[in-house]
Every structure is written in C-alpha cells, then in structure tokens.
Amino acid sequence: MPEPDPRVMAILAEALALSDTAARAAYLDRACGCNAAHRASVEALLGAHSATAGFVDPDTTSALVVPLPTDATGAYAPGAPAAPGP
C-alpha cells in the first residue's frame, strides 16, 4: 500500500473538522484548487470516513478489554490469575 500523500491527509484532517457541508465544500475548493487528484482523494476518504461512522460503538469497546494476569506489583505475570475486568 502506498504511503498517503501528506498534503491530502492535511486537507482531510481540516475537512473532517468542518461539520457544515457547505463550509467543507468551500474549504475543499480553496485547499485543493485545480488539483483534481487531491480533491478526488480527499472526497473518497471523506466518503469512507462517513461510511464507517458508528462502526464501533464507543460504549461497547470496554467489553473488548481483556485483563492480563499480573503479580502483586501490577507487573505482567504469565500464569497468575487475571485481574478483575472493568
């Protein structure tokens, strides 16, 4: 996979900070100018971002945490009983 273009990633970060659709479009007009490749890349990434919104519910991620077994000092100790979960 090729490294992402830093300029595209910077434009994407700024665009994601704008929740207003019209403001985002105006920003992309200014930031991408006549660079159609940058505009297409940013719009594709914005589309992927919105398509995955809500994919992982932040309220359920704590259930994914698996406590590791530790010793009395809190250091990882294979074979020790696991610490109680959240």
PDB file of N, CA and C in Angstrom:
ATOM      1  N   MET A   1       0.852  -1.174   0.000  1.00  0.00           N
ATOM      2  CA  MET A   1       0.000   0.000   0.000  1.00  0.00           C
ATOM      3  C   MET A   1       0.900   1.239   0.000  1.00  0.00           C
ATOM      4  N   PRO A   2       0.651   2.161  -0.904  1.00  0.00           N
ATOM      5  CA  PRO A   2       1.487   3.361  -0.955  1.00  0.00           C
ATOM      6  C   PRO A   2       1.249   4.270   0.244  1.00  0.00           C
ATOM      7  N   GLU A   3       2.273   5.027   0.590  1.00  0.00           N
ATOM      8  CA  GLU A   3       2.149   5.996   1.687  1.00  0.00           C
ATOM      9  C   GLU A   3       1.158   7.084   1.284  1.00  0.00           C
ATOM     10  N   PRO A   4       0.290   7.499   2.209  1.00  0.00           N
ATOM     11  CA  PRO A   4      -0.648   8.573   1.871  1.00  0.00           C
ATOM     12  C   PRO A   4       0.085   9.894   1.645  1.00  0.00           C
ATOM     13  N   ASP A   5      -0.429  10.672   0.732  1.00  0.00           N
ATOM     14  CA  ASP A   5       0.138  11.979   0.437  1.00  0.00           C
ATOM     15  C   ASP A   5      -0.091  12.882   1.654  1.00  0.00           C
ATOM     16  N   PRO A   6       0.978  13.434   2.236  1.00  0.00           N
ATOM     17  CA  PRO A   6       0.819  14.279   3.425  1.00  0.00           C
ATOM     18  C   PRO A   6      -0.110  15.466   3.195  1.00  0.00           C
ATOM     19  N   ARG A   7      -0.087  16.031   2.006  1.00  0.00           N
ATOM     20  CA  ARG A   7      -0.962  17.175   1.711  1.00  0.00           C
ATOM     21  C   ARG A   7      -2.428  16.743   1.733  1.00  0.00           C
ATOM     22  N   VAL A   8      -2.715  15.580   1.138  1.00  0.00           N
ATOM     23  CA  VAL A   8      -4.082  15.058   1.131  1.00  0.00           C
ATOM     24  C   VAL A   8      -4.539  14.792   2.563  1.00  0.00           C
ATOM     25  N   MET A   9      -3.654  14.220   3.380  1.00  0.00           N
ATOM     26  CA  MET A   9      -4.015  13.906   4.760  1.00  0.00           C
ATOM     27  C   MET A   9      -4.258  15.178   5.574  1.00  0.00           C
ATOM     28  N   ALA A  10      -3.491  16.227   5.311  1.00  0.00           N
ATOM     29  CA  ALA A  10      -3.692  17.501   5.997  1.00  0.00           C
ATOM     30  C   ALA A  10      -5.031  18.118   5.606  1.00  0.00           C
ATOM     31  N   ILE A  11      -5.348  18.059   4.321  1.00  0.00           N
ATOM     32  CA  ILE A  11      -6.633  18.587   3.845  1.00  0.00           C
ATOM     33  C   ILE A  11      -7.773  17.774   4.457  1.00  0.00           C
ATOM     34  N   LEU A  12      -7.607  16.461   4.501  1.00  0.00           N
ATOM     35  CA  LEU A  12      -8.628  15.596   5.090  1.00  0.00           C
ATOM     36  C   LEU A  12      -8.874  15.957   6.553  1.00  0.00           C
ATOM     37  N   ALA A  13      -7.817  16.133   7.306  1.00  0.00           N
ATOM     38  CA  ALA A  13      -7.965  16.461   8.730  1.00  0.00           C
ATOM     39  C   ALA A  13      -8.740  17.758   8.916  1.00  0.00           C
ATOM     40  N   GLU A  14      -8.410  18.763   8.124  1.00  0.00           N
ATOM     41  CA  GLU A  14      -9.126  20.039   8.218  1.00  0.00           C
ATOM     42  C   GLU A  14     -10.584  19.874   7.803  1.00  0.00           C
ATOM     43  N   ALA A  15     -10.823  19.105   6.744  1.00  0.00           N
ATOM     44  CA  ALA A  15     -12.190  18.909   6.255  1.00  0.00           C
ATOM     45  C   ALA A  15     -13.032  18.165   7.281  1.00  0.00           C
ATOM     46  N   LEU A  16     -12.444  17.187   7.973  1.00  0.00           N
ATOM     47  CA  LEU A  16     -13.191  16.446   8.986  1.00  0.00           C
ATOM     48  C   LEU A  16     -13.588  17.326  10.164  1.00  0.00           C
ATOM     49  N   ALA A  17     -12.838  18.374  10.395  1.00  0.00           N
ATOM     50  CA  ALA A  17     -13.155  19.292  11.490  1.00  0.00           C
ATOM     51  C   ALA A  17     -14.358  20.174  11.167  1.00  0.00           C
ATOM     52  N   LEU A  18     -14.748  20.230   9.910  1.00  0.00           N
ATOM     53  CA  LEU A  18     -15.877  21.057   9.482  1.00  0.00           C
ATOM     54  C   LEU A  18     -17.122  20.196   9.358  1.00  0.00           C
ATOM     55  N   SER A  19     -18.116  20.430  10.192  1.00  0.00           N
ATOM     56  CA  SER A  19     -19.332  19.626  10.142  1.00  0.00           C
ATOM     57  C   SER A  19     -20.336  20.148   9.116  1.00  0.00           C
ATOM     58  N   ASP A  20     -20.260  21.436   8.789  1.00  0.00           N
ATOM     59  CA  ASP A  20     -21.174  22.039   7.826  1.00  0.00           C
ATOM     60  C   ASP A  20     -20.759  21.649   6.407  1.00  0.00           C
ATOM     61  N   THR A  21     -21.673  21.051   5.661  1.00  0.00           N
ATOM     62  CA  THR A  21     -21.383  20.562   4.313  1.00  0.00           C
ATOM     63  C   THR A  21     -20.924  21.679   3.379  1.00  0.00           C
ATOM     64  N   ALA A  22     -21.588  22.821   3.436  1.00  0.00           N
ATOM     65  CA  ALA A  22     -21.221  23.943   2.565  1.00  0.00           C
ATOM     66  C   ALA A  22     -19.838  24.475   2.931  1.00  0.00           C
ATOM     67  N   ALA A  23     -19.551  24.587   4.218  1.00  0.00           N
ATOM     68  CA  ALA A  23     -18.234  25.065   4.651  1.00  0.00           C
ATOM     69  C   ALA A  23     -17.148  24.089   4.238  1.00  0.00           C
ATOM     70  N   ARG A  24     -17.447  22.798   4.332  1.00  0.00           N
ATOM     71  CA  ARG A  24     -16.472  21.777   3.927  1.00  0.00           C
ATOM     72  C   ARG A  24     -16.197  21.866   2.427  1.00  0.00           C
ATOM     73  N   ALA A  25     -17.249  22.026   1.629  1.00  0.00           N
ATOM     74  CA  ALA A  25     -17.080  22.132   0.169  1.00  0.00           C
ATOM     75  C   ALA A  25     -16.273  23.369  -0.189  1.00  0.00           C
ATOM     76  N   ALA A  26     -16.557  24.482   0.471  1.00  0.00           N
ATOM     77  CA  ALA A  26     -15.805  25.720   0.209  1.00  0.00           C
ATOM     78  C   ALA A  26     -14.343  25.545   0.599  1.00  0.00           C
ATOM     79  N   TYR A  27     -14.098  24.874   1.728  1.00  0.00           N
ATOM     80  CA  TYR A  27     -12.720  24.626   2.148  1.00  0.00           C
ATOM     81  C   TYR A  27     -12.003  23.761   1.113  1.00  0.00           C
ATOM     82  N   LEU A  28     -12.651  22.708   0.630  1.00  0.00           N
ATOM     83  CA  LEU A  28     -12.020  21.843  -0.367  1.00  0.00           C
ATOM     84  C   LEU A  28     -11.731  22.602  -1.661  1.00  0.00           C
ATOM     85  N   ASP A  29     -12.627  23.507  -2.037  1.00  0.00           N
ATOM     86  CA  ASP A  29     -12.376  24.344  -3.218  1.00  0.00           C
ATOM     87  C   ASP A  29     -11.090  25.142  -3.045  1.00  0.00           C
ATOM     88  N   ARG A  30     -10.922  25.733  -1.855  1.00  0.00           N
ATOM     89  CA  ARG A  30      -9.725  26.543  -1.595  1.00  0.00           C
ATOM     90  C   ARG A  30      -8.470  25.668  -1.456  1.00  0.00           C
ATOM     91  N   ALA A  31      -8.592  24.607  -0.686  1.00  0.00           N
ATOM     92  CA  ALA A  31      -7.416  23.793  -0.361  1.00  0.00           C
ATOM     93  C   ALA A  31      -6.918  22.976  -1.556  1.00  0.00           C
ATOM     94  N   CYS A  32      -7.835  22.461  -2.359  1.00  0.00           N
ATOM     95  CA  CYS A  32      -7.425  21.618  -3.490  1.00  0.00           C
ATOM     96  C   CYS A  32      -7.192  22.431  -4.756  1.00  0.00           C
ATOM     97  N   GLY A  33      -7.847  23.573  -4.844  1.00  0.00           N
ATOM     98  CA  GLY A  33      -7.676  24.402  -6.035  1.00  0.00           C
ATOM     99  C   GLY A  33      -7.979  23.608  -7.291  1.00  0.00           C
ATOM    100  N   CYS A  34      -7.065  23.633  -8.240  1.00  0.00           N
ATOM    101  CA  CYS A  34      -7.277  22.935  -9.510  1.00  0.00           C
ATOM    102  C   CYS A  34      -6.662  21.529  -9.501  1.00  0.00           C
ATOM    103  N   ASN A  35      -6.228  21.055  -8.341  1.00  0.00           N
ATOM    104  CA  ASN A  35      -5.642  19.716  -8.255  1.00  0.00           C
ATOM    105  C   ASN A  35      -6.767  18.687  -8.083  1.00  0.00           C
ATOM    106  N   ALA A  36      -7.247  18.195  -9.229  1.00  0.00           N
ATOM    107  CA  ALA A  36      -8.378  17.266  -9.230  1.00  0.00           C
ATOM    108  C   ALA A  36      -8.037  15.956  -8.525  1.00  0.00           C
ATOM    109  N   ALA A  37      -6.790  15.529  -8.594  1.00  0.00           N
ATOM    110  CA  ALA A  37      -6.389  14.278  -7.942  1.00  0.00           C
ATOM    111  C   ALA A  37      -6.494  14.400  -6.424  1.00  0.00           C
ATOM    112  N   HIS A  38      -6.038  15.544  -5.892  1.00  0.00           N
ATOM    113  CA  HIS A  38      -6.161  15.760  -4.448  1.00  0.00           C
ATOM    114  C   HIS A  38      -7.629  15.797  -4.038  1.00  0.00           C
ATOM    115  N   ARG A  39      -8.430  16.500  -4.799  1.00  0.00           N
ATOM    116  CA  ARG A  39      -9.859  16.624  -4.477  1.00  0.00           C
ATOM    117  C   ARG A  39     -10.521  15.255  -4.493  1.00  0.00           C
ATOM    118  N   ALA A  40     -10.234  14.457  -5.511  1.00  0.00           N
ATOM    119  CA  ALA A  40     -10.834  13.121  -5.602  1.00  0.00           C
ATOM    120  C   ALA A  40     -10.382  12.238  -4.446  1.00  0.00           C
ATOM    121  N   SER A  41      -9.113  12.317  -4.076  1.00  0.00           N
ATOM    122  CA  SER A  41      -8.605  11.514  -2.962  1.00  0.00           C
ATOM    123  C   SER A  41      -9.271  11.907  -1.650  1.00  0.00           C
ATOM    124  N   VAL A  42      -9.351  13.214  -1.398  1.00  0.00           N
ATOM    125  CA  VAL A  42      -9.960  13.691  -0.154  1.00  0.00           C
ATOM    126  C   VAL A  42     -11.433  13.312  -0.107  1.00  0.00           C
ATOM    127  N   GLU A  43     -12.146  13.475  -1.203  1.00  0.00           N
ATOM    128  CA  GLU A  43     -13.570  13.135  -1.211  1.00  0.00           C
ATOM    129  C   GLU A  43     -13.780  11.640  -1.012  1.00  0.00           C
ATOM    130  N   ALA A  44     -12.903  10.812  -1.579  1.00  0.00           N
ATOM    131  CA  ALA A  44     -13.009   9.363  -1.368  1.00  0.00           C
ATOM    132  C   ALA A  44     -12.773   9.016   0.093  1.00  0.00           C
ATOM    133  N   LEU A  45     -11.788   9.651   0.702  1.00  0.00           N
ATOM    134  CA  LEU A  45     -11.504   9.400   2.118  1.00  0.00           C
ATOM    135  C   LEU A  45     -12.631   9.909   3.013  1.00  0.00           C
ATOM    136  N   LEU A  46     -13.208  11.049   2.674  1.00  0.00           N
ATOM    137  CA  LEU A  46     -14.354  11.563   3.439  1.00  0.00           C
ATOM    138  C   LEU A  46     -15.538  10.607   3.331  1.00  0.00           C
ATOM    139  N   GLY A  47     -15.752  10.066   2.143  1.00  0.00           N
ATOM    140  CA  GLY A  47     -16.836   9.105   1.952  1.00  0.00           C
ATOM    141  C   GLY A  47     -16.619   7.837   2.771  1.00  0.00           C
ATOM    142  N   ALA A  48     -15.386   7.348   2.777  1.00  0.00           N
ATOM    143  CA  ALA A  48     -15.070   6.153   3.560  1.00  0.00           C
ATOM    144  C   ALA A  48     -15.244   6.432   5.050  1.00  0.00           C
ATOM    145  N   HIS A  49     -14.855   7.631   5.461  1.00  0.00           N
ATOM    146  CA  HIS A  49     -14.984   8.008   6.873  1.00  0.00           C
ATOM    147  C   HIS A  49     -16.452   8.033   7.286  1.00  0.00           C
ATOM    148  N   SER A  50     -17.300   8.634   6.464  1.00  0.00           N
ATOM    149  CA  SER A  50     -18.718   8.711   6.830  1.00  0.00           C
ATOM    150  C   SER A  50     -19.383   7.340   6.742  1.00  0.00           C
ATOM    151  N   ALA A  51     -18.921   6.477   5.834  1.00  0.00           N
ATOM    152  CA  ALA A  51     -19.499   5.138   5.713  1.00  0.00           C
ATOM    153  C   ALA A  51     -19.185   4.273   6.926  1.00  0.00           C
ATOM    154  N   THR A  52     -18.085   4.557   7.587  1.00  0.00           N
ATOM    155  CA  THR A  52     -17.700   3.756   8.753  1.00  0.00           C
ATOM    156  C   THR A  52     -18.087   4.403  10.071  1.00  0.00           C
ATOM    157  N   ALA A  53     -18.696   5.564  10.029  1.00  0.00           N
ATOM    158  CA  ALA A  53     -19.118   6.237  11.260  1.00  0.00           C
ATOM    159  C   ALA A  53     -20.080   5.337  12.015  1.00  0.00           C
ATOM    160  N   GLY A  54     -19.828   5.155  13.294  1.00  0.00           N
ATOM    161  CA  GLY A  54     -20.679   4.309  14.111  1.00  0.00           C
ATOM    162  C   GLY A  54     -20.378   2.829  13.991  1.00  0.00           C
ATOM    163  N   PHE A  55     -19.344   2.465  13.236  1.00  0.00           N
ATOM    164  CA  PHE A  55     -18.984   1.054  13.072  1.00  0.00           C
ATOM    165  C   PHE A  55     -18.658   0.424  14.418  1.00  0.00           C
ATOM    166  N   VAL A  56     -17.923   1.148  15.243  1.00  0.00           N
ATOM    167  CA  VAL A  56     -17.620   0.682  16.593  1.00  0.00           C
ATOM    168  C   VAL A  56     -18.278   1.649  17.562  1.00  0.00           C
ATOM    169  N   ASP A  57     -19.167   1.122  18.364  1.00  0.00           N
ATOM    170  CA  ASP A  57     -19.855   1.935  19.356  1.00  0.00           C
ATOM    171  C   ASP A  57     -18.924   2.153  20.542  1.00  0.00           C
ATOM    172  N   PRO A  58     -18.527   3.397  20.818  1.00  0.00           N
ATOM    173  CA  PRO A  58     -17.596   3.652  21.917  1.00  0.00           C
ATOM    174  C   PRO A  58     -18.082   3.114  23.255  1.00  0.00           C
ATOM    175  N   ASP A  59     -19.402   2.995  23.435  1.00  0.00           N
ATOM    176  CA  ASP A  59     -19.933   2.494  24.698  1.00  0.00           C
ATOM    177  C   ASP A  59     -19.701   0.999  24.882  1.00  0.00           C
ATOM    178  N   THR A  60     -19.413   0.290  23.789  1.00  0.00           N
ATOM    179  CA  THR A  60     -19.218  -1.153  23.896  1.00  0.00           C
ATOM    180  C   THR A  60     -17.752  -1.568  23.869  1.00  0.00           C
ATOM    181  N   THR A  61     -16.852  -0.647  23.627  1.00  0.00           N
ATOM    182  CA  THR A  61     -15.450  -1.032  23.499  1.00  0.00           C
ATOM    183  C   THR A  61     -14.838  -1.480  24.808  1.00  0.00           C
ATOM    184  N   SER A  62     -15.367  -1.063  25.944  1.00  0.00           N
ATOM    185  CA  SER A  62     -14.796  -1.506  27.215  1.00  0.00           C
ATOM    186  C   SER A  62     -14.981  -3.006  27.396  1.00  0.00           C
ATOM    187  N   ALA A  63     -15.973  -3.581  26.745  1.00  0.00           N
ATOM    188  CA  ALA A  63     -16.181  -5.025  26.831  1.00  0.00           C
ATOM    189  C   ALA A  63     -15.085  -5.783  26.099  1.00  0.00           C
ATOM    190  N   LEU A  64     -14.343  -5.107  25.234  1.00  0.00           N
ATOM    191  CA  LEU A  64     -13.274  -5.749  24.488  1.00  0.00           C
ATOM    192  C   LEU A  64     -11.973  -5.825  25.259  1.00  0.00           C
ATOM    193  N   VAL A  65     -11.895  -5.164  26.391  1.00  0.00           N
ATOM    194  CA  VAL A  65     -10.677  -5.133  27.186  1.00  0.00           C
ATOM    195  C   VAL A  65     -10.554  -6.448  27.949  1.00  0.00           C
ATOM    196  N   VAL A  66      -9.429  -7.109  27.768  1.00  0.00           N
ATOM    197  CA  VAL A  66      -9.179  -8.364  28.471  1.00  0.00           C
ATOM    198  C   VAL A  66      -8.082  -8.113  29.488  1.00  0.00           C
ATOM    199  N   PRO A  67      -8.371  -8.297  30.768  1.00  0.00           N
ATOM    200  CA  PRO A  67      -7.345  -8.061  31.780  1.00  0.00           C
ATOM    201  C   PRO A  67      -6.241  -9.109  31.680  1.00  0.00           C
ATOM    202  N   LEU A  68      -5.010  -8.669  31.834  1.00  0.00           N
ATOM    203  CA  LEU A  68      -3.862  -9.574  31.804  1.00  0.00           C
ATOM    204  C   LEU A  68      -3.529 -10.018  33.218  1.00  0.00           C
ATOM    205  N   PRO A  69      -2.987 -11.233  33.342  1.00  0.00           N
ATOM    206  CA  PRO A  69      -2.576 -11.679  34.673  1.00  0.00           C
ATOM    207  C   PRO A  69      -1.397 -10.848  35.162  1.00  0.00           C
ATOM    208  N   THR A  70      -1.473 -10.423  36.414  1.00  0.00           N
ATOM    209  CA  THR A  70      -0.408  -9.608  36.997  1.00  0.00           C
ATOM    210  C   THR A  70      -0.020 -10.160  38.358  1.00  0.00           C
ATOM    211  N   ASP A  71       1.167  -9.769  38.792  1.00  0.00           N
ATOM    212  CA  ASP A  71       1.582 -10.147  40.141  1.00  0.00           C
ATOM    213  C   ASP A  71       1.166  -9.041  41.114  1.00  0.00           C
ATOM    214  N   ALA A  72       1.616  -9.139  42.348  1.00  0.00           N
ATOM    215  CA  ALA A  72       1.215  -8.181  43.384  1.00  0.00           C
ATOM    216  C   ALA A  72       1.653  -6.753  43.076  1.00  0.00           C
ATOM    217  N   THR A  73       2.719  -6.587  42.269  1.00  0.00           N
ATOM    218  CA  THR A  73       3.199  -5.247  41.950  1.00  0.00           C
ATOM    219  C   THR A  73       2.485  -4.655  40.738  1.00  0.00           C
ATOM    220  N   GLY A  74       1.668  -5.472  40.076  1.00  0.00           N
ATOM    221  CA  GLY A  74       0.976  -5.000  38.883  1.00  0.00           C
ATOM    222  C   GLY A  74       1.704  -5.327  37.599  1.00  0.00           C
ATOM    223  N   ALA A  75       2.861  -5.999  37.699  1.00  0.00           N
ATOM    224  CA  ALA A  75       3.622  -6.379  36.506  1.00  0.00           C
ATOM    225  C   ALA A  75       2.989  -7.610  35.867  1.00  0.00           C
ATOM    226  N   TYR A  76       3.123  -7.709  34.560  1.00  0.00           N
ATOM    227  CA  TYR A  76       2.592  -8.863  33.829  1.00  0.00           C
ATOM    228  C   TYR A  76       3.229 -10.138  34.367  1.00  0.00           C
ATOM    229  N   ALA A  77       2.400 -11.132  34.663  1.00  0.00           N
ATOM    230  CA  ALA A  77       2.889 -12.389  35.211  1.00  0.00           C
ATOM    231  C   ALA A  77       2.143 -13.549  34.568  1.00  0.00           C
ATOM    232  N   PRO A  78       2.713 -14.151  33.518  1.00  0.00           N
ATOM    233  CA  PRO A  78       2.045 -15.298  32.892  1.00  0.00           C
ATOM    234  C   PRO A  78       1.783 -16.375  33.938  1.00  0.00           C
ATOM    235  N   GLY A  79       0.604 -16.936  33.918  1.00  0.00           N
ATOM    236  CA  GLY A  79       0.250 -17.987  34.850  1.00  0.00           C
ATOM    237  C   GLY A  79      -0.441 -17.491  36.110  1.00  0.00           C
ATOM    238  N   ALA A  80      -0.334 -16.201  36.389  1.00  0.00           N
ATOM    239  CA  ALA A  80      -1.009 -15.629  37.565  1.00  0.00           C
ATOM    240  C   ALA A  80      -2.485 -15.467  37.245  1.00  0.00           C
ATOM    241  N   PRO A  81      -3.345 -15.428  38.244  1.00  0.00           N
ATOM    242  CA  PRO A  81      -4.767 -15.190  37.958  1.00  0.00           C
ATOM    243  C   PRO A  81      -4.960 -13.817  37.318  1.00  0.00           C
ATOM    244  N   ALA A  82      -5.887 -13.740  36.404  1.00  0.00           N
ATOM    245  CA  ALA A  82      -6.160 -12.468  35.718  1.00  0.00           C
ATOM    246  C   ALA A  82      -6.774 -11.482  36.692  1.00  0.00           C
ATOM    247  N   ALA A  83      -6.416 -10.220  36.492  1.00  0.00           N
ATOM    248  CA  ALA A  83      -7.003  -9.145  37.299  1.00  0.00           C
ATOM    249  C   ALA A  83      -8.468  -8.998  36.945  1.00  0.00           C
ATOM    250  N   PRO A  84      -9.289  -8.550  37.875  1.00  0.00           N
ATOM    251  CA  PRO A  84     -10.699  -8.352  37.541  1.00  0.00           C
ATOM    252  C   PRO A  84     -10.869  -7.304  36.447  1.00  0.00           C
ATOM    253  N   GLY A  85     -11.828  -7.503  35.584  1.00  0.00           N
ATOM    254  CA  GLY A  85     -12.079  -6.568  34.465  1.00  0.00           C
ATOM    255  C   GLY A  85     -12.757  -5.312  34.920  1.00  0.00           C
ATOM    256  N   PRO A  86     -12.994  -4.395  33.946  1.00  0.00           N
ATOM    257  CA  PRO A  86     -13.638  -3.115  34.264  1.00  0.00           C
ATOM    258  C   PRO A  86     -15.055  -3.282  34.703  1.00  0.00           C
TER     259      PRO A  86
END
